[in-house]
Protein backbone atom coordinates (compact mmCIF):
# COMPACT_ATOMS: atom_id res chain seq x y z
CA MET A 1 -5.90 -6.31 3.26
CA LEU A 2 -8.99 -4.27 3.48
CA LEU A 3 -10.88 -2.73 0.67
CA LEU A 4 -9.81 0.84 -0.11
CA MET A 5 -6.71 2.94 -0.59
CA PRO A 6 -3.14 2.00 0.25
CA ALA A 7 -3.41 2.16 3.94
CA CYS A 8 -3.28 -0.41 6.60
CA ALA A 9 -5.64 -1.09 9.42
CA VAL A 10 -4.36 -1.14 12.94
CA GLY A 11 -5.42 -4.17 14.87
CA GLY A 12 -6.18 -7.70 13.82
CA GLY A 13 -7.56 -8.57 10.46
CA GLU A 14 -6.41 -8.88 6.94
CA VAL A 15 -5.48 -5.71 5.16
CA GLY A 16 -7.16 -5.08 1.80
CA ALA A 17 -5.66 -2.86 -0.77
CA LEU A 18 -3.78 -1.06 1.83
CA PRO A 19 -6.45 1.12 3.02
CA PRO A 20 -8.22 0.24 6.13
CA GLU A 21 -11.83 -0.10 6.84
CA PRO A 22 -13.56 3.17 7.60
CA SER A 23 -13.96 2.15 11.23
CA GLY A 24 -10.22 1.54 11.76
CA ALA A 25 -7.19 3.74 11.72
CA THR A 26 -5.52 3.95 8.35
CA ALA A 27 -1.98 4.26 7.15
CA ARG A 28 -1.75 6.34 4.07
CA VAL A 29 1.01 7.23 1.72
CA THR A 30 2.82 10.54 1.93
CA ALA A 31 2.06 13.32 -0.46
CA SER A 32 2.62 16.99 -0.08
CA PRO A 33 -0.52 19.04 -0.44
CA ALA A 34 -0.69 21.11 -3.59
CA ALA A 35 -2.76 24.15 -4.35
CA THR A 36 -4.06 22.67 -7.55
CA THR A 37 -3.66 19.28 -9.13
CA PRO A 38 -1.03 17.37 -7.21
CA ALA A 39 1.50 15.44 -9.18
CA ALA A 40 1.69 11.71 -8.84
CA PRO A 41 4.75 10.50 -6.97
CA SER A 42 7.59 10.35 -9.41
CA ALA A 43 8.77 6.91 -10.24
CA ALA A 44 12.17 6.04 -8.90
CA PRO A 45 14.84 5.51 -11.49
CA ALA A 46 14.49 2.12 -13.06
CA THR A 47 16.62 -0.20 -10.99
CA GLU A 48 16.75 -3.92 -11.04
CA VAL A 49 15.08 -5.46 -8.00
CA ASP A 50 16.84 -8.47 -6.53
CA ARG A 51 13.92 -10.90 -6.59
CA THR A 52 15.79 -13.26 -4.25
CA ASP A 53 15.88 -10.60 -1.51
CA VAL A 54 12.70 -10.55 0.59
CA LEU A 55 13.11 -6.94 1.74
CA ALA A 56 13.92 -5.71 -1.78
CA VAL A 57 10.71 -7.29 -3.11
CA TYR A 58 8.75 -5.90 -0.17
CA GLY A 59 10.02 -2.37 -0.90
CA ALA A 60 9.34 -2.70 -4.63
CA TRP A 61 5.80 -3.86 -3.84
CA TRP A 62 5.12 -0.66 -1.89
CA THR A 63 6.55 1.44 -4.72
CA SER A 64 4.22 -0.30 -7.20
CA LEU A 65 1.22 0.23 -4.88
CA GLN A 66 1.92 3.93 -4.55
CA SER A 67 2.16 4.30 -8.32
CA ALA A 68 -1.02 2.31 -9.05
CA TYR A 69 -3.06 4.22 -6.45
CA ALA A 70 -1.74 7.58 -7.68
CA GLN A 71 -2.78 6.72 -11.24
CA GLY A 72 -6.03 5.04 -10.19
CA ASP A 73 -4.98 2.06 -12.31
CA PRO A 74 -6.01 -1.32 -10.89
CA GLU A 75 -4.43 -3.12 -13.85
CA ALA A 76 -1.00 -1.52 -13.45
CA ALA A 77 1.45 -4.17 -14.63
CA GLU A 78 3.91 -3.56 -11.82
CA LEU A 79 1.40 -4.77 -9.23
CA ALA A 80 1.67 -8.32 -10.57
CA GLU A 81 5.47 -8.04 -10.61
CA TYR A 82 5.61 -8.23 -6.83
CA ALA A 83 2.27 -9.60 -5.59
CA VAL A 84 0.00 -12.57 -6.27
CA ASP A 85 -3.44 -13.56 -5.05
CA PRO A 86 -5.03 -13.22 -2.66
CA ILE A 87 -3.50 -9.78 -2.01
CA LEU A 88 -3.24 -8.82 -5.69
CA SER A 89 -7.00 -9.14 -6.24
CA ARG A 90 -7.72 -7.19 -3.06
CA GLN A 91 -5.39 -4.36 -4.05
CA ARG A 92 -6.98 -4.11 -7.46
CA ALA A 93 -10.48 -4.09 -5.94
CA SER A 94 -9.43 -1.31 -3.59
CA ILE A 95 -8.10 0.84 -6.44
CA ARG A 96 -11.33 0.22 -8.40
CA ALA A 97 -13.41 1.24 -5.38
CA LEU A 98 -11.54 4.53 -5.15
CA ARG A 99 -11.74 5.10 -8.90
CA THR A 100 -15.52 4.54 -8.76
CA GLN A 101 -15.67 7.43 -6.30
CA GLY A 102 -13.44 9.55 -8.55
CA ILE A 103 -10.57 9.51 -6.06
CA VAL A 104 -6.86 8.76 -6.31
CA GLN A 105 -4.34 8.46 -3.49
CA ARG A 106 -1.03 10.20 -3.97
CA THR A 107 1.53 9.64 -1.29
CA ARG A 108 4.71 7.96 -0.20
CA PHE A 109 4.60 5.65 2.77
CA THR A 110 7.41 5.77 5.27
CA LEU A 111 8.48 2.19 5.85
CA ARG A 112 10.58 0.58 8.57
CA PRO A 113 10.53 -3.09 7.57
CA ARG A 114 12.10 -5.84 9.63
CA LEU A 115 12.43 -9.43 8.48
CA ARG A 116 10.54 -11.44 11.09
CA TYR A 117 11.49 -14.85 9.71
CA GLN A 118 12.46 -16.57 6.49
CA THR A 119 12.46 -20.19 5.43
CA GLU A 120 13.22 -21.67 2.01
CA ARG A 121 9.71 -20.84 0.74
CA ASN A 122 8.05 -18.41 3.19
CA ALA A 123 8.93 -15.15 4.87
CA GLU A 124 7.27 -12.53 7.04
CA VAL A 125 8.08 -8.86 7.23
CA GLU A 126 6.78 -6.67 10.02
CA ASP A 127 6.57 -2.95 9.52
CA CYS A 128 5.22 0.26 10.96
CA VAL A 129 3.86 2.00 7.91
CA ARG A 130 3.46 5.75 8.33
CA GLY A 131 1.57 8.08 6.07
CA PRO A 132 0.91 11.80 6.09
CA ALA A 133 -2.45 13.50 6.10
CA ASN A 134 -4.15 14.70 2.91
CA THR A 135 -3.29 11.88 0.51
CA TYR A 136 -6.65 11.44 -1.20
CA TYR A 137 -7.55 13.67 -4.13
CA ASP A 138 -10.36 14.16 -6.57
CA ALA A 139 -9.13 12.49 -9.75
CA VAL A 140 -10.48 15.31 -11.95
CA THR A 141 -9.96 18.52 -9.97
CA GLY A 142 -6.91 17.49 -7.96
CA ARG A 143 -8.45 18.93 -4.79
CA PRO A 144 -8.20 17.00 -1.54
CA ARG A 145 -11.22 14.72 -1.10
CA ALA A 146 -11.54 11.70 1.13
CA PRO A 147 -13.39 8.54 0.15
CA ARG A 148 -16.70 7.88 1.89
CA GLY A 149 -16.11 6.74 5.44
CA TYR A 150 -12.44 7.82 5.61
CA ARG A 151 -10.60 10.79 7.03
CA ASN A 152 -8.08 12.70 4.98
CA ASP A 153 -6.88 15.15 7.61
CA VAL A 154 -4.76 13.00 9.91
CA PRO A 155 -1.43 11.23 9.50
CA THR A 156 -1.47 7.50 10.07
CA GLU A 157 0.70 4.75 11.47
CA ASP A 158 -0.18 1.12 10.96
CA ARG A 159 1.44 -2.05 12.18
CA LEU A 160 1.57 -4.50 9.33
CA LEU A 161 2.65 -8.12 9.08
CA THR A 162 3.26 -9.07 5.44
CA THR A 163 3.68 -12.62 4.15
CA LEU A 164 5.83 -13.41 1.11
CA GLN A 165 6.17 -16.72 -0.67
CA LYS A 166 8.82 -17.94 -3.04
CA ARG A 167 7.54 -19.02 -6.44
CA GLY A 168 10.32 -20.53 -8.48
CA ASP A 169 13.33 -18.47 -7.47
CA GLN A 170 11.44 -15.19 -6.85
CA TRP A 171 9.61 -13.76 -3.84
CA TYR A 172 6.04 -12.41 -4.04
CA VAL A 173 3.81 -10.68 -1.51
CA VAL A 174 0.75 -12.86 -0.84
CA ALA A 175 -0.93 -11.36 2.23
CA ALA A 176 -0.80 -8.52 4.72
CA THR A 177 -2.42 -8.32 8.11
CA GLY A 178 -2.77 -5.43 10.54
CA ARG A 179 -1.27 -6.62 13.80
CA GLY A 180 -1.17 -4.58 16.96
CA ALA A 181 1.65 -6.77 18.29
CA VAL A 182 4.21 -5.38 15.82
CA GLN A 183 6.54 -3.03 17.69
CA CYS A 184 6.90 0.45 16.21
């Protein structure tokens, strides 16, 4: 993953904390613009995630990302529930980079995941991750404000190939790569 907000880069390359590099297109999470301080996406009712189901873990990972970015909390416990290094460290670094600029990202990504393959220990999910415009906000004022080098005024769609590995009897996200070959 690349280094800033939860968005994905289109094209080849590893995706940081789900924001793309400033030079690439970015997929951002969906948030409705608010006149004043926007509310963070509400957490879904606590439901048990089937950790043996690749797509369930993948979806829970995105939910945890959206929450951590909205709070600007790189140490959010739920991140480590569904991801491990190297992607976990990259996500946390991305959230820290935004927080250093005084920015949070409040949105909900639209996902269309498809299990590309699964073996006993490895799986890949391909997805076209869509995000609306205006997802970055000043953490203090709540006004829309893009991070340096990023746009905040356009919706995004990113093709993402995500790798999961089984550790014990549970799946974890380990990497994500922007891939133009994923069909949207």
